[in-house]
Amino acid sequence: MSSTARAPPPPLKLEILDSRPLTATETVVALHNFLSNGTAIHSAPTSINHQVTQLYEKLRLEAKRHN
């Protein structure tokens, strides 16, 4: 049996399911759903969680500007 330590899995795995462009509003909705329903973001390191939340807030403001 080896006592070699394994590296922890990456904190966040993003997968591109569709490559079509999104409007600012569609992006905000998708990111909101991810933040609300994605349990992975809550277990991610605080810095990643903070960065994704900041991105969401900035996109919300941009979407409001365009509507």
N, C-alpha and C. Protein backbone atom coordinates (compact mmCIF):
# COMPACT_ATOMS: atom_id res chain seq x y z
N MET A 1 0.84 -1.18 0.00
CA MET A 1 0.00 0.00 0.00
C MET A 1 0.88 1.24 0.00
N SER A 2 0.58 2.18 -0.84
CA SER A 2 1.37 3.39 -0.96
C SER A 2 0.79 4.49 -0.08
N SER A 3 1.65 5.30 0.49
CA SER A 3 1.18 6.41 1.32
C SER A 3 1.28 7.74 0.57
N THR A 4 1.27 7.66 -0.75
CA THR A 4 1.36 8.86 -1.56
C THR A 4 0.07 9.67 -1.44
N ALA A 5 0.21 10.94 -1.13
CA ALA A 5 -0.96 11.81 -1.01
C ALA A 5 -1.46 12.21 -2.39
N ARG A 6 -2.74 12.19 -2.55
CA ARG A 6 -3.34 12.62 -3.82
C ARG A 6 -3.75 14.07 -3.73
N ALA A 7 -3.65 14.74 -4.85
CA ALA A 7 -4.08 16.14 -4.90
C ALA A 7 -5.60 16.19 -4.81
N PRO A 8 -6.13 17.20 -4.13
CA PRO A 8 -7.59 17.31 -4.05
C PRO A 8 -8.16 17.63 -5.44
N PRO A 9 -9.41 17.28 -5.67
CA PRO A 9 -10.02 17.58 -6.96
C PRO A 9 -10.14 19.08 -7.15
N PRO A 10 -10.22 19.55 -8.39
CA PRO A 10 -10.40 20.98 -8.62
C PRO A 10 -11.66 21.47 -7.90
N PRO A 11 -11.64 22.70 -7.39
CA PRO A 11 -12.78 23.18 -6.61
C PRO A 11 -14.03 23.45 -7.45
N LEU A 12 -13.85 23.67 -8.73
CA LEU A 12 -14.99 24.04 -9.56
C LEU A 12 -14.76 23.52 -10.96
N LYS A 13 -15.72 22.79 -11.48
CA LYS A 13 -15.60 22.25 -12.83
C LYS A 13 -16.69 22.88 -13.68
N LEU A 14 -16.27 23.59 -14.71
CA LEU A 14 -17.22 24.22 -15.63
C LEU A 14 -17.23 23.43 -16.92
N GLU A 15 -18.41 23.24 -17.45
CA GLU A 15 -18.56 22.49 -18.68
C GLU A 15 -19.40 23.31 -19.65
N ILE A 16 -18.91 23.50 -20.86
CA ILE A 16 -19.64 24.26 -21.87
C ILE A 16 -20.59 23.31 -22.58
N LEU A 17 -21.88 23.56 -22.44
CA LEU A 17 -22.89 22.69 -23.03
C LEU A 17 -23.42 23.25 -24.35
N ASP A 18 -23.29 24.53 -24.53
CA ASP A 18 -23.82 25.18 -25.73
C ASP A 18 -22.88 26.34 -26.08
N SER A 19 -22.53 26.46 -27.33
CA SER A 19 -21.57 27.51 -27.69
C SER A 19 -22.24 28.72 -28.34
N ARG A 20 -23.57 28.76 -28.35
CA ARG A 20 -24.22 29.93 -28.95
C ARG A 20 -24.06 31.14 -28.03
N PRO A 21 -23.97 32.32 -28.60
CA PRO A 21 -23.84 33.52 -27.77
C PRO A 21 -25.10 33.75 -26.93
N LEU A 22 -24.92 34.28 -25.75
CA LEU A 22 -26.03 34.61 -24.86
C LEU A 22 -26.17 36.12 -24.75
N THR A 23 -27.39 36.58 -24.56
CA THR A 23 -27.58 37.99 -24.26
C THR A 23 -27.15 38.22 -22.81
N ALA A 24 -27.02 39.47 -22.43
CA ALA A 24 -26.65 39.78 -21.05
C ALA A 24 -27.70 39.24 -20.09
N THR A 25 -28.97 39.36 -20.45
CA THR A 25 -30.05 38.88 -19.59
C THR A 25 -30.01 37.36 -19.46
N GLU A 26 -29.79 36.64 -20.56
CA GLU A 26 -29.69 35.18 -20.50
C GLU A 26 -28.51 34.74 -19.63
N THR A 27 -27.43 35.48 -19.71
CA THR A 27 -26.25 35.16 -18.91
C THR A 27 -26.54 35.34 -17.43
N VAL A 28 -27.23 36.44 -17.10
CA VAL A 28 -27.58 36.69 -15.70
C VAL A 28 -28.48 35.58 -15.17
N VAL A 29 -29.47 35.17 -15.96
CA VAL A 29 -30.38 34.11 -15.54
C VAL A 29 -29.61 32.80 -15.32
N ALA A 30 -28.74 32.46 -16.25
CA ALA A 30 -27.96 31.22 -16.12
C ALA A 30 -27.05 31.26 -14.90
N LEU A 31 -26.40 32.38 -14.68
CA LEU A 31 -25.50 32.50 -13.53
C LEU A 31 -26.29 32.52 -12.22
N HIS A 32 -27.44 33.17 -12.23
CA HIS A 32 -28.30 33.17 -11.04
C HIS A 32 -28.73 31.74 -10.69
N ASN A 33 -29.14 30.99 -11.70
CA ASN A 33 -29.54 29.60 -11.46
C ASN A 33 -28.37 28.78 -10.92
N PHE A 34 -27.19 29.01 -11.47
CA PHE A 34 -26.01 28.30 -11.00
C PHE A 34 -25.72 28.64 -9.54
N LEU A 35 -25.77 29.92 -9.20
CA LEU A 35 -25.48 30.33 -7.82
C LEU A 35 -26.56 29.85 -6.85
N SER A 36 -27.80 29.80 -7.31
CA SER A 36 -28.90 29.39 -6.44
C SER A 36 -28.98 27.88 -6.28
N ASN A 37 -28.74 27.16 -7.36
CA ASN A 37 -28.95 25.71 -7.36
C ASN A 37 -27.66 24.90 -7.36
N GLY A 38 -26.54 25.55 -7.61
CA GLY A 38 -25.27 24.82 -7.71
C GLY A 38 -24.62 24.67 -6.35
N THR A 39 -24.70 23.50 -5.80
CA THR A 39 -24.09 23.29 -4.48
C THR A 39 -22.57 23.35 -4.56
N ALA A 40 -22.02 23.15 -5.74
CA ALA A 40 -20.56 23.15 -5.89
C ALA A 40 -19.96 24.49 -5.51
N ILE A 41 -20.62 25.58 -5.87
CA ILE A 41 -20.06 26.90 -5.60
C ILE A 41 -19.97 27.15 -4.09
N HIS A 42 -20.87 26.57 -3.32
CA HIS A 42 -20.85 26.78 -1.87
C HIS A 42 -19.71 26.01 -1.21
N SER A 43 -19.23 24.97 -1.87
CA SER A 43 -18.11 24.21 -1.30
C SER A 43 -16.77 24.65 -1.89
N ALA A 44 -16.81 25.56 -2.84
CA ALA A 44 -15.58 26.08 -3.45
C ALA A 44 -14.89 27.02 -2.46
N PRO A 45 -13.60 27.23 -2.66
CA PRO A 45 -12.90 28.19 -1.80
C PRO A 45 -13.57 29.57 -1.85
N THR A 46 -13.47 30.29 -0.77
CA THR A 46 -14.12 31.59 -0.65
C THR A 46 -13.74 32.53 -1.79
N SER A 47 -12.50 32.52 -2.23
CA SER A 47 -12.07 33.43 -3.29
C SER A 47 -12.80 33.15 -4.60
N ILE A 48 -13.02 31.89 -4.92
CA ILE A 48 -13.75 31.54 -6.14
C ILE A 48 -15.20 31.94 -6.01
N ASN A 49 -15.80 31.64 -4.88
CA ASN A 49 -17.19 32.00 -4.63
C ASN A 49 -17.36 33.51 -4.76
N HIS A 50 -16.44 34.27 -4.19
CA HIS A 50 -16.50 35.73 -4.24
C HIS A 50 -16.37 36.24 -5.68
N GLN A 51 -15.45 35.68 -6.44
CA GLN A 51 -15.25 36.12 -7.82
C GLN A 51 -16.48 35.84 -8.68
N VAL A 52 -17.09 34.67 -8.51
CA VAL A 52 -18.28 34.33 -9.29
C VAL A 52 -19.43 35.25 -8.89
N THR A 53 -19.56 35.54 -7.62
CA THR A 53 -20.62 36.44 -7.15
C THR A 53 -20.41 37.84 -7.69
N GLN A 54 -19.17 38.32 -7.72
CA GLN A 54 -18.88 39.64 -8.29
C GLN A 54 -19.22 39.67 -9.77
N LEU A 55 -18.87 38.62 -10.49
CA LEU A 55 -19.19 38.53 -11.91
C LEU A 55 -20.70 38.62 -12.11
N TYR A 56 -21.44 37.90 -11.30
CA TYR A 56 -22.91 37.91 -11.37
C TYR A 56 -23.44 39.32 -11.16
N GLU A 57 -22.96 40.02 -10.14
CA GLU A 57 -23.43 41.37 -9.85
C GLU A 57 -23.13 42.33 -11.00
N LYS A 58 -21.94 42.24 -11.57
CA LYS A 58 -21.57 43.12 -12.69
C LYS A 58 -22.41 42.81 -13.93
N LEU A 59 -22.67 41.54 -14.18
CA LEU A 59 -23.52 41.17 -15.31
C LEU A 59 -24.95 41.65 -15.11
N ARG A 60 -25.44 41.59 -13.88
CA ARG A 60 -26.80 42.10 -13.59
C ARG A 60 -26.89 43.58 -13.92
N LEU A 61 -25.89 44.34 -13.51
CA LEU A 61 -25.89 45.78 -13.80
C LEU A 61 -25.84 46.03 -15.31
N GLU A 62 -25.03 45.26 -16.01
CA GLU A 62 -24.91 45.40 -17.47
C GLU A 62 -26.23 45.05 -18.15
N ALA A 63 -26.90 44.01 -17.70
CA ALA A 63 -28.18 43.62 -18.28
C ALA A 63 -29.23 44.71 -18.04
N LYS A 64 -29.23 45.31 -16.85
CA LYS A 64 -30.17 46.40 -16.56
C LYS A 64 -29.91 47.59 -17.48
N ARG A 65 -28.65 47.85 -17.74
CA ARG A 65 -28.28 48.97 -18.61
C ARG A 65 -28.80 48.79 -20.02
N HIS A 66 -28.86 47.55 -20.48
CA HIS A 66 -29.28 47.26 -21.85
C HIS A 66 -30.79 47.07 -21.99
N ASN A 67 -31.49 47.00 -20.89
CA ASN A 67 -32.96 46.81 -20.96
C ASN A 67 -33.71 48.07 -20.69
